[in-house]
């Protein structure tokens, strides 16, 4: 069974840090571009960060540049999002996505993990 399972969300004060994890099962992440998205109530889902299959290239939304870091460990079949200097506007459900393009296109999403930044 193909699954992406996020973990590491929670309640944190402004200025704090969290590390989200996304673990894959039923398939191998190493050929997939991995991304983190987030969706706040009343808003559309937005791309936060992405990383290529080898980890050679990353991309970030302007709103998180310099504060968030995406990384992956293909040996552990997992991807991570380190979030520093968190702000109340970072509050959202964070989702992990795996995408493989081409003839054997596949796309998988996790169920999401809640991040709340509040004092």
C-alpha atoms as a PDB file:
ATOM      1  CA  UNK A   1       0.000   0.000   0.000  1.00  0.00           C
ATOM      2  CA  UNK A   2       1.403   3.360  -1.062  1.00  0.00           C
ATOM      3  CA  UNK A   3       1.517   5.891   1.750  1.00  0.00           C
ATOM      4  CA  UNK A   4       3.065   9.179   2.737  1.00  0.00           C
ATOM      5  CA  UNK A   5       2.826   9.913   6.433  1.00  0.00           C
ATOM      6  CA  UNK A   6       3.696  13.309   7.862  1.00  0.00           C
ATOM      7  CA  UNK A   7       4.659  13.893  11.460  1.00  0.00           C
ATOM      8  CA  UNK A   8       6.232  16.533  13.669  1.00  0.00           C
ATOM      9  CA  UNK A   9       3.531  19.167  13.647  1.00  0.00           C
ATOM     10  CA  UNK A  10       2.226  20.836  16.769  1.00  0.00           C
ATOM     11  CA  UNK A  11       1.828  24.068  18.684  1.00  0.00           C
ATOM     12  CA  UNK A  12       4.851  26.361  18.867  1.00  0.00           C
ATOM     13  CA  UNK A  13       5.404  29.941  19.966  1.00  0.00           C
ATOM     14  CA  UNK A  14       6.389  32.646  17.496  1.00  0.00           C
ATOM     15  CA  UNK A  15      10.107  32.491  16.858  1.00  0.00           C
ATOM     16  CA  UNK A  16      10.207  28.786  17.611  1.00  0.00           C
ATOM     17  CA  UNK A  17      11.189  25.847  15.449  1.00  0.00           C
ATOM     18  CA  UNK A  18       9.721  22.574  14.263  1.00  0.00           C
ATOM     19  CA  UNK A  19      10.953  19.746  12.087  1.00  0.00           C
ATOM     20  CA  UNK A  20       8.403  17.962   9.938  1.00  0.00           C
ATOM     21  CA  UNK A  21       9.030  14.487   8.613  1.00  0.00           C
ATOM     22  CA  UNK A  22       7.403  12.636   5.736  1.00  0.00           C
ATOM     23  CA  UNK A  23       7.910   8.893   5.561  1.00  0.00           C
ATOM     24  CA  UNK A  24       7.074   6.882   2.475  1.00  0.00           C
ATOM     25  CA  UNK A  25       5.966   3.277   2.335  1.00  0.00           C
ATOM     26  CA  UNK A  26       4.956   1.071  -0.576  1.00  0.00           C
ATOM     27  CA  UNK A  27       7.259   2.877  -2.999  1.00  0.00           C
ATOM     28  CA  UNK A  28      10.768   4.322  -3.198  1.00  0.00           C
ATOM     29  CA  UNK A  29      11.203   8.083  -2.956  1.00  0.00           C
ATOM     30  CA  UNK A  30      14.520   8.211  -4.751  1.00  0.00           C
ATOM     31  CA  UNK A  31      13.008   8.852  -8.205  1.00  0.00           C
ATOM     32  CA  UNK A  32      10.515  11.446  -7.021  1.00  0.00           C
ATOM     33  CA  UNK A  33      10.613  15.191  -6.633  1.00  0.00           C
ATOM     34  CA  UNK A  34       9.386  15.849  -3.122  1.00  0.00           C
ATOM     35  CA  UNK A  35       7.489  18.904  -1.993  1.00  0.00           C
ATOM     36  CA  UNK A  36       5.892  20.411   1.067  1.00  0.00           C
ATOM     37  CA  UNK A  37       2.647  22.330   0.664  1.00  0.00           C
ATOM     38  CA  UNK A  38       0.507  24.082   3.242  1.00  0.00           C
ATOM     39  CA  UNK A  39      -3.076  25.165   3.490  1.00  0.00           C
ATOM     40  CA  UNK A  40      -4.478  27.626   6.005  1.00  0.00           C
ATOM     41  CA  UNK A  41      -8.228  27.912   6.645  1.00  0.00           C
ATOM     42  CA  UNK A  42      -9.916  29.809   3.826  1.00  0.00           C
ATOM     43  CA  UNK A  43      -6.792  29.757   1.680  1.00  0.00           C
ATOM     44  CA  UNK A  44      -5.690  27.699  -1.287  1.00  0.00           C
ATOM     45  CA  UNK A  45      -3.000  25.105  -0.869  1.00  0.00           C
ATOM     46  CA  UNK A  46       0.383  26.653  -1.604  1.00  0.00           C
ATOM     47  CA  UNK A  47       3.827  25.296  -2.372  1.00  0.00           C
ATOM     48  CA  UNK A  48       6.278  25.830   0.469  1.00  0.00           C
ATOM     49  CA  UNK A  49       9.398  24.018  -0.712  1.00  0.00           C
ATOM     50  CA  UNK A  50      10.522  21.328  -3.117  1.00  0.00           C
ATOM     51  CA  UNK A  51      13.620  19.196  -3.649  1.00  0.00           C
ATOM     52  CA  UNK A  52      14.719  17.190  -6.662  1.00  0.00           C
ATOM     53  CA  UNK A  53      15.169  13.433  -6.559  1.00  0.00           C
ATOM     54  CA  UNK A  54      18.901  13.605  -5.840  1.00  0.00           C
ATOM     55  CA  UNK A  55      18.632  16.582  -3.515  1.00  0.00           C
ATOM     56  CA  UNK A  56      20.809  18.654  -5.822  1.00  0.00           C
ATOM     57  CA  UNK A  57      18.279  21.449  -6.198  1.00  0.00           C
ATOM     58  CA  UNK A  58      15.746  23.046  -3.870  1.00  0.00           C
ATOM     59  CA  UNK A  59      13.101  25.696  -4.283  1.00  0.00           C
ATOM     60  CA  UNK A  60      11.277  27.808  -1.697  1.00  0.00           C
ATOM     61  CA  UNK A  61       8.326  30.138  -1.524  1.00  0.00           C
ATOM     62  CA  UNK A  62       9.450  33.718  -0.930  1.00  0.00           C
ATOM     63  CA  UNK A  63       7.583  33.764   2.370  1.00  0.00           C
ATOM     64  CA  UNK A  64       9.791  31.033   3.872  1.00  0.00           C
ATOM     65  CA  UNK A  65      13.175  31.652   2.253  1.00  0.00           C
ATOM     66  CA  UNK A  66      15.918  31.844   4.831  1.00  0.00           C
ATOM     67  CA  UNK A  67      13.712  30.280   7.523  1.00  0.00           C
ATOM     68  CA  UNK A  68      12.753  26.843   6.168  1.00  0.00           C
ATOM     69  CA  UNK A  69      15.009  24.096   4.868  1.00  0.00           C
ATOM     70  CA  UNK A  70      13.878  21.053   2.923  1.00  0.00           C
ATOM     71  CA  UNK A  71      16.042  17.948   2.901  1.00  0.00           C
ATOM     72  CA  UNK A  72      15.745  14.277   2.087  1.00  0.00           C
ATOM     73  CA  UNK A  73      17.280  10.959   3.003  1.00  0.00           C
ATOM     74  CA  UNK A  74      16.643   8.499   0.197  1.00  0.00           C
ATOM     75  CA  UNK A  75      18.186   5.744   2.267  1.00  0.00           C
ATOM     76  CA  UNK A  76      15.487   6.250   4.898  1.00  0.00           C
ATOM     77  CA  UNK A  77      12.800   6.904   2.269  1.00  0.00           C
ATOM     78  CA  UNK A  78      11.967  10.188   3.939  1.00  0.00           C
ATOM     79  CA  UNK A  79      11.871  13.933   3.416  1.00  0.00           C
ATOM     80  CA  UNK A  80      12.035  16.670   6.019  1.00  0.00           C
ATOM     81  CA  UNK A  81      11.150  20.325   6.515  1.00  0.00           C
ATOM     82  CA  UNK A  82      13.054  22.261   9.121  1.00  0.00           C
ATOM     83  CA  UNK A  83      11.130  25.391  10.082  1.00  0.00           C
ATOM     84  CA  UNK A  84      12.858  28.134  12.053  1.00  0.00           C
ATOM     85  CA  UNK A  85      11.742  31.594  13.162  1.00  0.00           C
ATOM     86  CA  UNK A  86       8.127  30.543  12.874  1.00  0.00           C
ATOM     87  CA  UNK A  87       5.454  33.216  12.510  1.00  0.00           C
ATOM     88  CA  UNK A  88       1.713  33.102  13.193  1.00  0.00           C
ATOM     89  CA  UNK A  89       1.130  33.279   9.438  1.00  0.00           C
ATOM     90  CA  UNK A  90       2.911  29.930   9.077  1.00  0.00           C
ATOM     91  CA  UNK A  91      -0.060  28.305  10.803  1.00  0.00           C
ATOM     92  CA  UNK A  92      -1.532  25.728   8.419  1.00  0.00           C
ATOM     93  CA  UNK A  93      -1.883  22.065   7.647  1.00  0.00           C
ATOM     94  CA  UNK A  94       1.349  20.939   6.001  1.00  0.00           C
ATOM     95  CA  UNK A  95       1.261  18.265   3.321  1.00  0.00           C
ATOM     96  CA  UNK A  96       3.958  16.173   1.727  1.00  0.00           C
ATOM     97  CA  UNK A  97       3.798  15.373  -1.995  1.00  0.00           C
ATOM     98  CA  UNK A  98       5.751  12.948  -4.138  1.00  0.00           C
ATOM     99  CA  UNK A  99       5.819  13.493  -7.902  1.00  0.00           C
ATOM    100  CA  UNK A 100       7.416  11.505 -10.662  1.00  0.00           C
ATOM    101  CA  UNK A 101       6.933  12.883 -14.163  1.00  0.00           C
ATOM    102  CA  UNK A 102       7.234  11.226 -17.551  1.00  0.00           C
ATOM    103  CA  UNK A 103       5.683   8.079 -18.949  1.00  0.00           C
ATOM    104  CA  UNK A 104       5.471   6.486 -15.503  1.00  0.00           C
ATOM    105  CA  UNK A 105       3.902   9.559 -13.928  1.00  0.00           C
ATOM    106  CA  UNK A 106       2.875   9.131 -10.308  1.00  0.00           C
ATOM    107  CA  UNK A 107       1.674  11.599  -7.687  1.00  0.00           C
ATOM    108  CA  UNK A 108       1.067  10.875  -4.017  1.00  0.00           C
ATOM    109  CA  UNK A 109      -0.036  13.060  -1.113  1.00  0.00           C
ATOM    110  CA  UNK A 110       0.111  12.613   2.613  1.00  0.00           C
ATOM    111  CA  UNK A 111      -2.768  13.282   4.973  1.00  0.00           C
ATOM    112  CA  UNK A 112      -1.221  16.414   6.456  1.00  0.00           C
ATOM    113  CA  UNK A 113       0.047  17.554   9.827  1.00  0.00           C
ATOM    114  CA  UNK A 114      -1.166  20.642  11.686  1.00  0.00           C
ATOM    115  CA  UNK A 115       1.289  23.398  12.557  1.00  0.00           C
ATOM    116  CA  UNK A 116       0.019  26.156  14.840  1.00  0.00           C
ATOM    117  CA  UNK A 117       2.167  29.153  15.699  1.00  0.00           C
ATOM    118  CA  UNK A 118       0.700  31.069  18.595  1.00  0.00           C
ATOM    119  CA  UNK A 119       1.639  32.561  21.926  1.00  0.00           C
END
